[in-house]
Amino acid sequence: MRTVIQPPDLASANSTYSQAIQAGGFIFISGQLGVNPKTGSLAGDDIVEQAKQAMENLVAILRAAGSSLDKVVSVNMYLTEYGELARVNQVYGTYFPRNGPSKTSCGVTALYGGAKFEIQATALA
């Protein structure tokens, strides 16, 4: 069985994907950019501002799915400025302070809409 998780305040950019899918005891969360759901725009030009907003979007999706950050088992982070990883990790560490999920970080040449940061996660339902 598969359940679509679509918080009303975090609309998908288009109809080809869902914010998250719950299946087999897991929640598979689509990549989250640092888009402010109230304005539909990036939270700012700085990667730290975008990372904070992307993490808040992740939290909102987990909450809508009846889950939480402590149930996240894996994340993938994408940065257009990989030299900023230490600053992004400071933000990340406020959400996952100790013994966080497995994590992959990689540098990419571009993200949708000129974003500088994206995070994708898998959590327990």
PDB file of N, CA and C in Angstrom:
ATOM      1  N   MET A   1       0.827  -1.183   0.000  1.00  0.00           N
ATOM      2  CA  MET A   1       0.000   0.000   0.000  1.00  0.00           C
ATOM      3  C   MET A   1       0.873   1.249   0.000  1.00  0.00           C
ATOM      4  N   ARG A   2       0.382   2.275  -0.635  1.00  0.00           N
ATOM      5  CA  ARG A   2       1.122   3.521  -0.822  1.00  0.00           C
ATOM      6  C   ARG A   2       0.197   4.680  -0.501  1.00  0.00           C
ATOM      7  N   THR A   3       0.684   5.617   0.334  1.00  0.00           N
ATOM      8  CA  THR A   3      -0.109   6.784   0.722  1.00  0.00           C
ATOM      9  C   THR A   3       0.649   8.049   0.356  1.00  0.00           C
ATOM     10  N   VAL A   4      -0.021   8.956  -0.316  1.00  0.00           N
ATOM     11  CA  VAL A   4       0.573  10.247  -0.674  1.00  0.00           C
ATOM     12  C   VAL A   4       0.493  11.175   0.536  1.00  0.00           C
ATOM     13  N   ILE A   5       1.622  11.810   0.861  1.00  0.00           N
ATOM     14  CA  ILE A   5       1.693  12.814   1.923  1.00  0.00           C
ATOM     15  C   ILE A   5       1.865  14.159   1.234  1.00  0.00           C
ATOM     16  N   GLN A   6       0.874  15.019   1.373  1.00  0.00           N
ATOM     17  CA  GLN A   6       0.920  16.313   0.703  1.00  0.00           C
ATOM     18  C   GLN A   6       0.399  17.400   1.646  1.00  0.00           C
ATOM     19  N   PRO A   7       1.278  17.946   2.512  1.00  0.00           N
ATOM     20  CA  PRO A   7       0.813  19.027   3.391  1.00  0.00           C
ATOM     21  C   PRO A   7       0.239  20.176   2.556  1.00  0.00           C
ATOM     22  N   PRO A   8      -0.932  20.687   2.924  1.00  0.00           N
ATOM     23  CA  PRO A   8      -1.567  21.731   2.105  1.00  0.00           C
ATOM     24  C   PRO A   8      -0.745  23.011   1.981  1.00  0.00           C
ATOM     25  N   ASP A   9       0.075  23.322   2.988  1.00  0.00           N
ATOM     26  CA  ASP A   9       0.866  24.552   2.928  1.00  0.00           C
ATOM     27  C   ASP A   9       2.193  24.379   2.204  1.00  0.00           C
ATOM     28  N   LEU A  10       2.484  23.164   1.732  1.00  0.00           N
ATOM     29  CA  LEU A  10       3.715  22.910   0.974  1.00  0.00           C
ATOM     30  C   LEU A  10       3.356  22.278  -0.367  1.00  0.00           C
ATOM     31  N   ALA A  11       2.828  23.059  -1.243  1.00  0.00           N
ATOM     32  CA  ALA A  11       2.416  22.549  -2.545  1.00  0.00           C
ATOM     33  C   ALA A  11       3.616  22.102  -3.367  1.00  0.00           C
ATOM     34  N   SER A  12       3.438  21.040  -4.141  1.00  0.00           N
ATOM     35  CA  SER A  12       4.474  20.589  -5.061  1.00  0.00           C
ATOM     36  C   SER A  12       4.621  21.602  -6.182  1.00  0.00           C
ATOM     37  N   ALA A  13       5.813  21.670  -6.738  1.00  0.00           N
ATOM     38  CA  ALA A  13       6.068  22.610  -7.830  1.00  0.00           C
ATOM     39  C   ALA A  13       5.265  22.237  -9.079  1.00  0.00           C
ATOM     40  N   ASN A  14       4.959  20.955  -9.225  1.00  0.00           N
ATOM     41  CA  ASN A  14       4.130  20.494 -10.342  1.00  0.00           C
ATOM     42  C   ASN A  14       3.488  19.158  -9.975  1.00  0.00           C
ATOM     43  N   SER A  15       2.610  18.685 -10.808  1.00  0.00           N
ATOM     44  CA  SER A  15       1.820  17.498 -10.472  1.00  0.00           C
ATOM     45  C   SER A  15       2.532  16.169 -10.735  1.00  0.00           C
ATOM     46  N   THR A  16       3.775  16.205 -11.142  1.00  0.00           N
ATOM     47  CA  THR A  16       4.472  14.954 -11.465  1.00  0.00           C
ATOM     48  C   THR A  16       5.056  14.245 -10.250  1.00  0.00           C
ATOM     49  N   TYR A  17       4.975  14.855  -9.081  1.00  0.00           N
ATOM     50  CA  TYR A  17       5.513  14.215  -7.878  1.00  0.00           C
ATOM     51  C   TYR A  17       4.711  14.630  -6.655  1.00  0.00           C
ATOM     52  N   SER A  18       4.915  13.886  -5.572  1.00  0.00           N
ATOM     53  CA  SER A  18       4.307  14.188  -4.278  1.00  0.00           C
ATOM     54  C   SER A  18       5.403  14.636  -3.330  1.00  0.00           C
ATOM     55  N   GLN A  19       5.053  15.399  -2.304  1.00  0.00           N
ATOM     56  CA  GLN A  19       6.049  15.809  -1.315  1.00  0.00           C
ATOM     57  C   GLN A  19       6.630  14.592  -0.609  1.00  0.00           C
ATOM     58  N   ALA A  20       5.801  13.570  -0.387  1.00  0.00           N
ATOM     59  CA  ALA A  20       6.289  12.340   0.238  1.00  0.00           C
ATOM     60  C   ALA A  20       5.327  11.197  -0.086  1.00  0.00           C
ATOM     61  N   ILE A  21       5.861   9.996  -0.008  1.00  0.00           N
ATOM     62  CA  ILE A  21       5.074   8.774  -0.160  1.00  0.00           C
ATOM     63  C   ILE A  21       5.361   7.895   1.046  1.00  0.00           C
ATOM     64  N   GLN A  22       4.309   7.424   1.687  1.00  0.00           N
ATOM     65  CA  GLN A  22       4.454   6.465   2.783  1.00  0.00           C
ATOM     66  C   GLN A  22       4.165   5.081   2.223  1.00  0.00           C
ATOM     67  N   ALA A  23       5.104   4.161   2.430  1.00  0.00           N
ATOM     68  CA  ALA A  23       4.951   2.795   1.931  1.00  0.00           C
ATOM     69  C   ALA A  23       5.842   1.867   2.744  1.00  0.00           C
ATOM     70  N   GLY A  24       5.339   0.683   3.062  1.00  0.00           N
ATOM     71  CA  GLY A  24       6.146  -0.329   3.733  1.00  0.00           C
ATOM     72  C   GLY A  24       6.787   0.126   5.032  1.00  0.00           C
ATOM     73  N   GLY A  25       6.112   0.962   5.786  1.00  0.00           N
ATOM     74  CA  GLY A  25       6.656   1.416   7.068  1.00  0.00           C
ATOM     75  C   GLY A  25       7.648   2.556   6.966  1.00  0.00           C
ATOM     76  N   PHE A  26       7.838   3.084   5.761  1.00  0.00           N
ATOM     77  CA  PHE A  26       8.776   4.190   5.551  1.00  0.00           C
ATOM     78  C   PHE A  26       8.066   5.383   4.930  1.00  0.00           C
ATOM     79  N   ILE A  27       8.690   6.543   5.078  1.00  0.00           N
ATOM     80  CA  ILE A  27       8.243   7.764   4.417  1.00  0.00           C
ATOM     81  C   ILE A  27       9.394   8.217   3.534  1.00  0.00           C
ATOM     82  N   PHE A  28       9.142   8.290   2.245  1.00  0.00           N
ATOM     83  CA  PHE A  28      10.139   8.704   1.267  1.00  0.00           C
ATOM     84  C   PHE A  28       9.821  10.147   0.880  1.00  0.00           C
ATOM     85  N   ILE A  29      10.674  11.073   1.312  1.00  0.00           N
ATOM     86  CA  ILE A  29      10.410  12.502   1.147  1.00  0.00           C
ATOM     87  C   ILE A  29      11.186  13.031  -0.057  1.00  0.00           C
ATOM     88  N   SER A  30      10.455  13.706  -0.939  1.00  0.00           N
ATOM     89  CA  SER A  30      11.071  14.317  -2.113  1.00  0.00           C
ATOM     90  C   SER A  30      12.065  15.387  -1.694  1.00  0.00           C
ATOM     91  N   GLY A  31      12.984  15.701  -2.578  1.00  0.00           N
ATOM     92  CA  GLY A  31      13.962  16.751  -2.303  1.00  0.00           C
ATOM     93  C   GLY A  31      13.284  18.064  -1.962  1.00  0.00           C
ATOM     94  N   GLN A  32      13.765  18.693  -0.896  1.00  0.00           N
ATOM     95  CA  GLN A  32      13.210  19.964  -0.430  1.00  0.00           C
ATOM     96  C   GLN A  32      14.215  21.082  -0.633  1.00  0.00           C
ATOM     97  N   LEU A  33      13.776  22.094  -1.348  1.00  0.00           N
ATOM     98  CA  LEU A  33      14.565  23.304  -1.515  1.00  0.00           C
ATOM     99  C   LEU A  33      14.215  24.268  -0.383  1.00  0.00           C
ATOM    100  N   GLY A  34      14.959  25.324  -0.273  1.00  0.00           N
ATOM    101  CA  GLY A  34      14.698  26.330   0.744  1.00  0.00           C
ATOM    102  C   GLY A  34      13.651  27.331   0.306  1.00  0.00           C
ATOM    103  N   VAL A  35      12.510  26.831  -0.160  1.00  0.00           N
ATOM    104  CA  VAL A  35      11.427  27.697  -0.616  1.00  0.00           C
ATOM    105  C   VAL A  35      10.475  27.980   0.541  1.00  0.00           C
ATOM    106  N   ASN A  36      10.225  29.255   0.772  1.00  0.00           N
ATOM    107  CA  ASN A  36       9.277  29.668   1.793  1.00  0.00           C
ATOM    108  C   ASN A  36       7.876  29.364   1.268  1.00  0.00           C
ATOM    109  N   PRO A  37       7.112  28.504   1.961  1.00  0.00           N
ATOM    110  CA  PRO A  37       5.797  28.125   1.449  1.00  0.00           C
ATOM    111  C   PRO A  37       4.792  29.278   1.410  1.00  0.00           C
ATOM    112  N   LYS A  38       5.023  30.330   2.193  1.00  0.00           N
ATOM    113  CA  LYS A  38       4.106  31.473   2.194  1.00  0.00           C
ATOM    114  C   LYS A  38       4.307  32.369   0.984  1.00  0.00           C
ATOM    115  N   THR A  39       5.559  32.461   0.512  1.00  0.00           N
ATOM    116  CA  THR A  39       5.852  33.359  -0.608  1.00  0.00           C
ATOM    117  C   THR A  39       6.087  32.614  -1.917  1.00  0.00           C
ATOM    118  N   GLY A  40       6.450  31.333  -1.829  1.00  0.00           N
ATOM    119  CA  GLY A  40       6.774  30.574  -3.034  1.00  0.00           C
ATOM    120  C   GLY A  40       8.146  30.905  -3.592  1.00  0.00           C
ATOM    121  N   SER A  41       8.922  31.691  -2.846  1.00  0.00           N
ATOM    122  CA  SER A  41      10.262  32.098  -3.275  1.00  0.00           C
ATOM    123  C   SER A  41      11.311  31.506  -2.356  1.00  0.00           C
ATOM    124  N   LEU A  42      12.551  31.469  -2.843  1.00  0.00           N
ATOM    125  CA  LEU A  42      13.647  31.017  -1.997  1.00  0.00           C
ATOM    126  C   LEU A  42      13.736  31.898  -0.754  1.00  0.00           C
ATOM    127  N   ALA A  43      14.114  31.302   0.367  1.00  0.00           N
ATOM    128  CA  ALA A  43      14.160  32.004   1.651  1.00  0.00           C
ATOM    129  C   ALA A  43      15.210  33.107   1.682  1.00  0.00           C
ATOM    130  N   GLY A  44      16.089  33.140   0.744  1.00  0.00           N
ATOM    131  CA  GLY A  44      17.132  34.155   0.667  1.00  0.00           C
ATOM    132  C   GLY A  44      18.183  33.720  -0.322  1.00  0.00           C
ATOM    133  N   ASP A  45      19.204  34.542  -0.493  1.00  0.00           N
ATOM    134  CA  ASP A  45      20.279  34.218  -1.426  1.00  0.00           C
ATOM    135  C   ASP A  45      21.367  33.371  -0.789  1.00  0.00           C
ATOM    136  N   ASP A  46      21.438  33.381   0.537  1.00  0.00           N
ATOM    137  CA  ASP A  46      22.489  32.682   1.258  1.00  0.00           C
ATOM    138  C   ASP A  46      22.133  31.205   1.438  1.00  0.00           C
ATOM    139  N   ILE A  47      23.102  30.326   1.277  1.00  0.00           N
ATOM    140  CA  ILE A  47      22.860  28.895   1.408  1.00  0.00           C
ATOM    141  C   ILE A  47      22.375  28.520   2.810  1.00  0.00           C
ATOM    142  N   VAL A  48      22.810  29.246   3.835  1.00  0.00           N
ATOM    143  CA  VAL A  48      22.369  28.966   5.205  1.00  0.00           C
ATOM    144  C   VAL A  48      20.879  29.262   5.356  1.00  0.00           C
ATOM    145  N   GLU A  49      20.424  30.381   4.829  1.00  0.00           N
ATOM    146  CA  GLU A  49      18.991  30.706   4.883  1.00  0.00           C
ATOM    147  C   GLU A  49      18.175  29.644   4.159  1.00  0.00           C
ATOM    148  N   GLN A  50      18.662  29.223   3.013  1.00  0.00           N
ATOM    149  CA  GLN A  50      17.961  28.202   2.243  1.00  0.00           C
ATOM    150  C   GLN A  50      17.966  26.851   2.960  1.00  0.00           C
ATOM    151  N   ALA A  51      19.074  26.508   3.581  1.00  0.00           N
ATOM    152  CA  ALA A  51      19.157  25.239   4.310  1.00  0.00           C
ATOM    153  C   ALA A  51      18.185  25.233   5.486  1.00  0.00           C
ATOM    154  N   LYS A  52      18.100  26.332   6.220  1.00  0.00           N
ATOM    155  CA  LYS A  52      17.156  26.416   7.342  1.00  0.00           C
ATOM    156  C   LYS A  52      15.731  26.213   6.860  1.00  0.00           C
ATOM    157  N   GLN A  53      15.360  26.863   5.773  1.00  0.00           N
ATOM    158  CA  GLN A  53      13.995  26.746   5.258  1.00  0.00           C
ATOM    159  C   GLN A  53      13.731  25.337   4.738  1.00  0.00           C
ATOM    160  N   ALA A  54      14.700  24.746   4.053  1.00  0.00           N
ATOM    161  CA  ALA A  54      14.530  23.380   3.558  1.00  0.00           C
ATOM    162  C   ALA A  54      14.327  22.411   4.718  1.00  0.00           C
ATOM    163  N   MET A  55      15.059  22.613   5.802  1.00  0.00           N
ATOM    164  CA  MET A  55      14.889  21.762   6.980  1.00  0.00           C
ATOM    165  C   MET A  55      13.506  21.958   7.597  1.00  0.00           C
ATOM    166  N   GLU A  56      13.030  23.181   7.636  1.00  0.00           N
ATOM    167  CA  GLU A  56      11.683  23.439   8.162  1.00  0.00           C
ATOM    168  C   GLU A  56      10.616  22.784   7.278  1.00  0.00           C
ATOM    169  N   ASN A  57      10.832  22.795   5.976  1.00  0.00           N
ATOM    170  CA  ASN A  57       9.908  22.122   5.060  1.00  0.00           C
ATOM    171  C   ASN A  57       9.921  20.618   5.319  1.00  0.00           C
ATOM    172  N   LEU A  58      11.100  20.065   5.556  1.00  0.00           N
ATOM    173  CA  LEU A  58      11.229  18.641   5.888  1.00  0.00           C
ATOM    174  C   LEU A  58      10.450  18.322   7.169  1.00  0.00           C
ATOM    175  N   VAL A  59      10.600  19.147   8.185  1.00  0.00           N
ATOM    176  CA  VAL A  59       9.892  18.957   9.452  1.00  0.00           C
ATOM    177  C   VAL A  59       8.374  18.978   9.226  1.00  0.00           C
ATOM    178  N   ALA A  60       7.895  19.906   8.408  1.00  0.00           N
ATOM    179  CA  ALA A  60       6.457  20.027   8.138  1.00  0.00           C
ATOM    180  C   ALA A  60       5.920  18.766   7.454  1.00  0.00           C
ATOM    181  N   ILE A  61       6.682  18.223   6.545  1.00  0.00           N
ATOM    182  CA  ILE A  61       6.254  17.001   5.846  1.00  0.00           C
ATOM    183  C   ILE A  61       6.239  15.825   6.807  1.00  0.00           C
ATOM    184  N   LEU A  62       7.275  15.705   7.623  1.00  0.00           N
ATOM    185  CA  LEU A  62       7.307  14.626   8.616  1.00  0.00           C
ATOM    186  C   LEU A  62       6.112  14.722   9.553  1.00  0.00           C
ATOM    187  N   ARG A  63       5.819  15.919  10.009  1.00  0.00           N
ATOM    188  CA  ARG A  63       4.681  16.134  10.912  1.00  0.00           C
ATOM    189  C   ARG A  63       3.381  15.717  10.228  1.00  0.00           C
ATOM    190  N   ALA A  64       3.204  16.106   8.981  1.00  0.00           N
ATOM    191  CA  ALA A  64       1.987  15.753   8.235  1.00  0.00           C
ATOM    192  C   ALA A  64       1.850  14.246   8.064  1.00  0.00           C
ATOM    193  N   ALA A  65       2.982  13.551   8.044  1.00  0.00           N
ATOM    194  CA  ALA A  65       2.978  12.095   7.888  1.00  0.00           C
ATOM    195  C   ALA A  65       2.877  11.375   9.227  1.00  0.00           C
ATOM    196  N   GLY A  66       2.839  12.131  10.324  1.00  0.00           N
ATOM    197  CA  GLY A  66       2.779  11.519  11.650  1.00  0.00           C
ATOM    198  C   GLY A  66       4.128  10.999  12.110  1.00  0.00           C
ATOM    199  N   SER A  67       5.193  11.566  11.571  1.00  0.00           N
ATOM    200  CA  SER A  67       6.550  11.145  11.925  1.00  0.00           C
ATOM    201  C   SER A  67       7.298  12.348  12.501  1.00  0.00           C
ATOM    202  N   SER A  68       8.608  12.216  12.656  1.00  0.00           N
ATOM    203  CA  SER A  68       9.415  13.293  13.230  1.00  0.00           C
ATOM    204  C   SER A  68      10.881  13.109  12.854  1.00  0.00           C
ATOM    205  N   LEU A  69      11.678  14.110  13.171  1.00  0.00           N
ATOM    206  CA  LEU A  69      13.105  14.066  12.841  1.00  0.00           C
ATOM    207  C   LEU A  69      13.817  12.869  13.463  1.00  0.00           C
ATOM    208  N   ASP A  70      13.394  12.456  14.655  1.00  0.00           N
ATOM    209  CA  ASP A  70      14.080  11.338  15.303  1.00  0.00           C
ATOM    210  C   ASP A  70      13.814  10.000  14.610  1.00  0.00           C
ATOM    211  N   LYS A  71      12.917   9.993  13.628  1.00  0.00           N
ATOM    212  CA  LYS A  71      12.643   8.775  12.871  1.00  0.00           C
ATOM    213  C   LYS A  71      13.284   8.792  11.482  1.00  0.00           C
ATOM    214  N   VAL A  72      14.020   9.848  11.182  1.00  0.00           N
ATOM    215  CA  VAL A  72      14.724   9.932   9.895  1.00  0.00           C
ATOM    216  C   VAL A  72      15.907   8.967   9.927  1.00  0.00           C
ATOM    217  N   VAL A  73      16.015   8.133   8.905  1.00  0.00           N
ATOM    218  CA  VAL A  73      17.089   7.142   8.863  1.00  0.00           C
ATOM    219  C   VAL A  73      18.165   7.460   7.825  1.00  0.00           C
ATOM    220  N   SER A  74      17.822   8.305   6.841  1.00  0.00           N
ATOM    221  CA  SER A  74      18.795   8.602   5.801  1.00  0.00           C
ATOM    222  C   SER A  74      18.472   9.938   5.152  1.00  0.00           C
ATOM    223  N   VAL A  75      19.519  10.710   4.840  1.00  0.00           N
ATOM    224  CA  VAL A  75      19.344  11.960   4.096  1.00  0.00           C
ATOM    225  C   VAL A  75      20.397  12.058   3.001  1.00  0.00           C
ATOM    226  N   ASN A  76      20.021  12.772   1.961  1.00  0.00           N
ATOM    227  CA  ASN A  76      20.948  13.146   0.899  1.00  0.00           C
ATOM    228  C   ASN A  76      20.876  14.662   0.778  1.00  0.00           C
ATOM    229  N   MET A  77      22.034  15.305   0.784  1.00  0.00           N
ATOM    230  CA  MET A  77      22.097  16.756   0.660  1.00  0.00           C
ATOM    231  C   MET A  77      22.855  17.122  -0.603  1.00  0.00           C
ATOM    232  N   TYR A  78      22.344  18.126  -1.298  1.00  0.00           N
ATOM    233  CA  TYR A  78      22.928  18.596  -2.544  1.00  0.00           C
ATOM    234  C   TYR A  78      23.238  20.078  -2.398  1.00  0.00           C
ATOM    235  N   LEU A  79      24.474  20.465  -2.681  1.00  0.00           N
ATOM    236  CA  LEU A  79      24.915  21.851  -2.539  1.00  0.00           C
ATOM    237  C   LEU A  79      25.544  22.316  -3.845  1.00  0.00           C
ATOM    238  N   THR A  80      25.158  23.502  -4.297  1.00  0.00           N
ATOM    239  CA  THR A  80      25.804  24.052  -5.487  1.00  0.00           C
ATOM    240  C   THR A  80      27.134  24.712  -5.134  1.00  0.00           C
ATOM    241  N   GLU A  81      27.348  24.967  -3.849  1.00  0.00           N
ATOM    242  CA  GLU A  81      28.606  25.547  -3.368  1.00  0.00           C
ATOM    243  C   GLU A  81      29.151  24.595  -2.302  1.00  0.00           C
ATOM    244  N   TYR A  82      29.820  23.543  -2.742  1.00  0.00           N
ATOM    245  CA  TYR A  82      30.241  22.505  -1.802  1.00  0.00           C
ATOM    246  C   TYR A  82      31.203  23.021  -0.736  1.00  0.00           C
ATOM    247  N   GLY A  83      31.878  24.094  -1.012  1.00  0.00           N
ATOM    248  CA  GLY A  83      32.751  24.714  -0.025  1.00  0.00           C
ATOM    249  C   GLY A  83      31.985  25.264   1.169  1.00  0.00           C
ATOM    250  N   GLU A  84      30.670  25.331   1.068  1.00  0.00           N
ATOM    251  CA  GLU A  84      29.812  25.823   2.151  1.00  0.00           C
ATOM    252  C   GLU A  84      29.290  24.692   3.038  1.00  0.00           C
ATOM    253  N   LEU A  85      29.795  23.479   2.848  1.00  0.00           N
ATOM    254  CA  LEU A  85      29.301  22.335   3.609  1.00  0.00           C
ATOM    255  C   LEU A  85      29.415  22.546   5.118  1.00  0.00           C
ATOM    256  N   ALA A  86      30.496  23.131   5.583  1.00  0.00           N
ATOM    257  CA  ALA A  86      30.658  23.347   7.030  1.00  0.00           C
ATOM    258  C   ALA A  86      29.544  24.243   7.570  1.00  0.00           C
ATOM    259  N   ARG A  87      29.182  25.285   6.844  1.00  0.00           N
ATOM    260  CA  ARG A  87      28.094  26.175   7.277  1.00  0.00           C
ATOM    261  C   ARG A  87      26.750  25.447   7.242  1.00  0.00           C
ATOM    262  N   VAL A  88      26.539  24.656   6.215  1.00  0.00           N
ATOM    263  CA  VAL A  88      25.295  23.874   6.119  1.00  0.00           C
ATOM    264  C   VAL A  88      25.244  22.852   7.247  1.00  0.00           C
ATOM    265  N   ASN A  89      26.367  22.231   7.558  1.00  0.00           N
ATOM    266  CA  ASN A  89      26.400  21.252   8.653  1.00  0.00           C
ATOM    267  C   ASN A  89      26.060  21.886  10.003  1.00  0.00           C
ATOM    268  N   GLN A  90      26.378  23.166  10.173  1.00  0.00           N
ATOM    269  CA  GLN A  90      25.988  23.848  11.407  1.00  0.00           C
ATOM    270  C   GLN A  90      24.468  23.923  11.515  1.00  0.00           C
ATOM    271  N   VAL A  91      23.801  24.227  10.417  1.00  0.00           N
ATOM    272  CA  VAL A  91      22.335  24.245  10.397  1.00  0.00           C
ATOM    273  C   VAL A  91      21.812  22.833  10.627  1.00  0.00           C
ATOM    274  N   TYR A  92      22.343  21.891   9.882  1.00  0.00           N
ATOM    275  CA  TYR A  92      21.926  20.487   9.973  1.00  0.00           C
ATOM    276  C   TYR A  92      22.045  19.981  11.413  1.00  0.00           C
ATOM    277  N   GLY A  93      23.120  20.361  12.077  1.00  0.00           N
ATOM    278  CA  GLY A  93      23.370  19.925  13.448  1.00  0.00           C
ATOM    279  C   GLY A  93      22.365  20.458  14.459  1.00  0.00           C
ATOM    280  N   THR A  94      21.679  21.541  14.142  1.00  0.00           N
ATOM    281  CA  THR A  94      20.636  22.023  15.051  1.00  0.00           C
ATOM    282  C   THR A  94      19.382  21.167  14.949  1.00  0.00           C
ATOM    283  N   TYR A  95      19.217  20.459  13.855  1.00  0.00           N
ATOM    284  CA  TYR A  95      18.065  19.563  13.671  1.00  0.00           C
ATOM    285  C   TYR A  95      18.406  18.121  14.044  1.00  0.00           C
ATOM    286  N   PHE A  96      19.647  17.734  13.809  1.00  0.00           N
ATOM    287  CA  PHE A  96      20.135  16.394  14.138  1.00  0.00           C
ATOM    288  C   PHE A  96      21.405  16.541  14.973  1.00  0.00           C
ATOM    289  N   PRO A  97      21.266  16.879  16.269  1.00  0.00           N
ATOM    290  CA  PRO A  97      22.436  17.209  17.081  1.00  0.00           C
ATOM    291  C   PRO A  97      23.376  16.038  17.383  1.00  0.00           C
ATOM    292  N   ARG A  98      22.867  14.816  17.562  1.00  0.00           N
ATOM    293  CA  ARG A  98      23.724  13.676  17.904  1.00  0.00           C
ATOM    294  C   ARG A  98      23.155  12.415  17.287  1.00  0.00           C
ATOM    295  N   ASN A  99      24.042  11.556  16.844  1.00  0.00           N
ATOM    296  CA  ASN A  99      23.647  10.262  16.302  1.00  0.00           C
ATOM    297  C   ASN A  99      22.529  10.392  15.274  1.00  0.00           C
ATOM    298  N   GLY A 100      22.705  11.320  14.367  1.00  0.00           N
ATOM    299  CA  GLY A 100      21.711  11.561  13.329  1.00  0.00           C
ATOM    300  C   GLY A 100      21.658  10.422  12.315  1.00  0.00           C
ATOM    301  N   PRO A 101      20.863  10.605  11.296  1.00  0.00           N
ATOM    302  CA  PRO A 101      20.704   9.569  10.275  1.00  0.00           C
ATOM    303  C   PRO A 101      21.950   9.441   9.406  1.00  0.00           C
ATOM    304  N   SER A 102      21.990   8.367   8.627  1.00  0.00           N
ATOM    305  CA  SER A 102      23.064   8.263   7.644  1.00  0.00           C
ATOM    306  C   SER A 102      22.915   9.445   6.681  1.00  0.00           C
ATOM    307  N   LYS A 103      24.035   9.914   6.143  1.00  0.00           N
ATOM    308  CA  LYS A 103      23.983  11.135   5.341  1.00  0.00           C
ATOM    309  C   LYS A 103      24.969  11.071   4.192  1.00  0.00           C
ATOM    310  N   THR A 104      24.507  11.538   3.059  1.00  0.00           N
ATOM    311  CA  THR A 104      25.365  11.737   1.903  1.00  0.00           C
ATOM    312  C   THR A 104      25.268  13.196   1.506  1.00  0.00           C
ATOM    313  N   SER A 105      26.407  13.812   1.244  1.00  0.00           N
ATOM    314  CA  SER A 105      26.442  15.197   0.772  1.00  0.00           C
ATOM    315  C   SER A 105      27.211  15.222  -0.531  1.00  0.00           C
ATOM    316  N   CYS A 106      26.722  15.984  -1.492  1.00  0.00           N
ATOM    317  CA  CYS A 106      27.481  16.079  -2.741  1.00  0.00           C
ATOM    318  C   CYS A 106      27.306  17.456  -3.355  1.00  0.00           C
ATOM    319  N   GLY A 107      28.285  17.825  -4.124  1.00  0.00           N
ATOM    320  CA  GLY A 107      28.228  19.077  -4.856  1.00  0.00           C
ATOM    321  C   GLY A 107      27.581  18.839  -6.209  1.00  0.00           C
ATOM    322  N   VAL A 108      26.750  19.773  -6.618  1.00  0.00           N
ATOM    323  CA  VAL A 108      26.077  19.694  -7.910  1.00  0.00           C
ATOM    324  C   VAL A 108      26.263  21.018  -8.639  1.00  0.00           C
ATOM    325  N   THR A 109      26.101  20.989  -9.943  1.00  0.00           N
ATOM    326  CA  THR A 109      26.319  22.220 -10.703  1.00  0.00           C
ATOM    327  C   THR A 109      25.120  23.155 -10.668  1.00  0.00           C
ATOM    328  N   ALA A 110      23.911  22.600 -10.529  1.00  0.00           N
ATOM    329  CA  ALA A 110      22.719  23.452 -10.506  1.00  0.00           C
ATOM    330  C   ALA A 110      21.564  22.738  -9.824  1.00  0.00           C
ATOM    331  N   LEU A 111      20.681  23.530  -9.224  1.00  0.00           N
ATOM    332  CA  LEU A 111      19.434  23.043  -8.647  1.00  0.00           C
ATOM    333  C   LEU A 111      18.295  23.879  -9.216  1.00  0.00           C
ATOM    334  N   TYR A 112      17.101  23.359  -9.138  1.00  0.00           N
ATOM    335  CA  TYR A 112      15.921  24.022  -9.682  1.00  0.00           C
ATOM    336  C   TYR A 112      15.773  25.449  -9.136  1.00  0.00           C
ATOM    337  N   GLY A 113      15.455  26.369 -10.018  1.00  0.00           N
ATOM    338  CA  GLY A 113      15.152  27.744  -9.617  1.00  0.00           C
ATOM    339  C   GLY A 113      16.314  28.534  -9.057  1.00  0.00           C
ATOM    340  N   GLY A 114      17.535  28.063  -9.276  1.00  0.00           N
ATOM    341  CA  GLY A 114      18.697  28.766  -8.751  1.00  0.00           C
ATOM    342  C   GLY A 114      18.974  28.503  -7.287  1.00  0.00           C
ATOM    343  N   ALA A 115      18.307  27.485  -6.723  1.00  0.00           N
ATOM    344  CA  ALA A 115      18.545  27.131  -5.315  1.00  0.00           C
ATOM    345  C   ALA A 115      19.990  26.700  -5.128  1.00  0.00           C
ATOM    346  N   LYS A 116      20.469  26.832  -3.886  1.00  0.00           N
ATOM    347  CA  LYS A 116      21.840  26.446  -3.549  1.00  0.00           C
ATOM    348  C   LYS A 116      21.893  25.187  -2.697  1.00  0.00           C
ATOM    349  N   PHE A 117      20.725  24.748  -2.186  1.00  0.00           N
ATOM    350  CA  PHE A 117      20.680  23.613  -1.267  1.00  0.00           C
ATOM    351  C   PHE A 117      19.394  22.826  -1.477  1.00  0.00           C
ATOM    352  N   GLU A 118      19.520  21.505  -1.386  1.00  0.00           N
ATOM    353  CA  GLU A 118      18.357  20.617  -1.427  1.00  0.00           C
ATOM    354  C   GLU A 118      18.627  19.440  -0.493  1.00  0.00           C
ATOM    355  N   ILE A 119      17.577  18.975   0.196  1.00  0.00           N
ATOM    356  CA  ILE A 119      17.703  17.825   1.061  1.00  0.00           C
ATOM    357  C   ILE A 119      16.572  16.848   0.776  1.00  0.00           C
ATOM    358  N   GLN A 120      16.909  15.580   0.724  1.00  0.00           N
ATOM    359  CA  GLN A 120      15.951  14.500   0.511  1.00  0.00           C
ATOM    360  C   GLN A 120      16.119  13.546   1.679  1.00  0.00           C
ATOM    361  N   ALA A 121      15.027  12.940   2.171  1.00  0.00           N
ATOM    362  CA  ALA A 121      15.127  12.091   3.352  1.00  0.00           C
ATOM    363  C   ALA A 121      14.212  10.873   3.262  1.00  0.00           C
ATOM    364  N   THR A 122      14.569   9.864   4.033  1.00  0.00           N
ATOM    365  CA  THR A 122      13.743   8.679   4.261  1.00  0.00           C
ATOM    366  C   THR A 122      13.593   8.526   5.770  1.00  0.00           C
ATOM    367  N   ALA A 123      12.371   8.300   6.207  1.00  0.00           N
ATOM    368  CA  ALA A 123      12.083   8.184   7.642  1.00  0.00           C
ATOM    369  C   ALA A 123      11.192   6.984   7.906  1.00  0.00           C
ATOM    370  N   LEU A 124      11.187   6.560   9.163  1.00  0.00           N
ATOM    371  CA  LEU A 124      10.246   5.540   9.596  1.00  0.00           C
ATOM    372  C   LEU A 124       8.882   6.192   9.774  1.00  0.00           C
ATOM    373  N   ALA A 125       7.845   5.451   9.430  1.00  0.00           N
ATOM    374  CA  ALA A 125       6.482   5.979   9.577  1.00  0.00           C
ATOM    375  C   ALA A 125       6.076   5.985  11.042  1.00  0.00           C
TER     376      ALA A 125
END
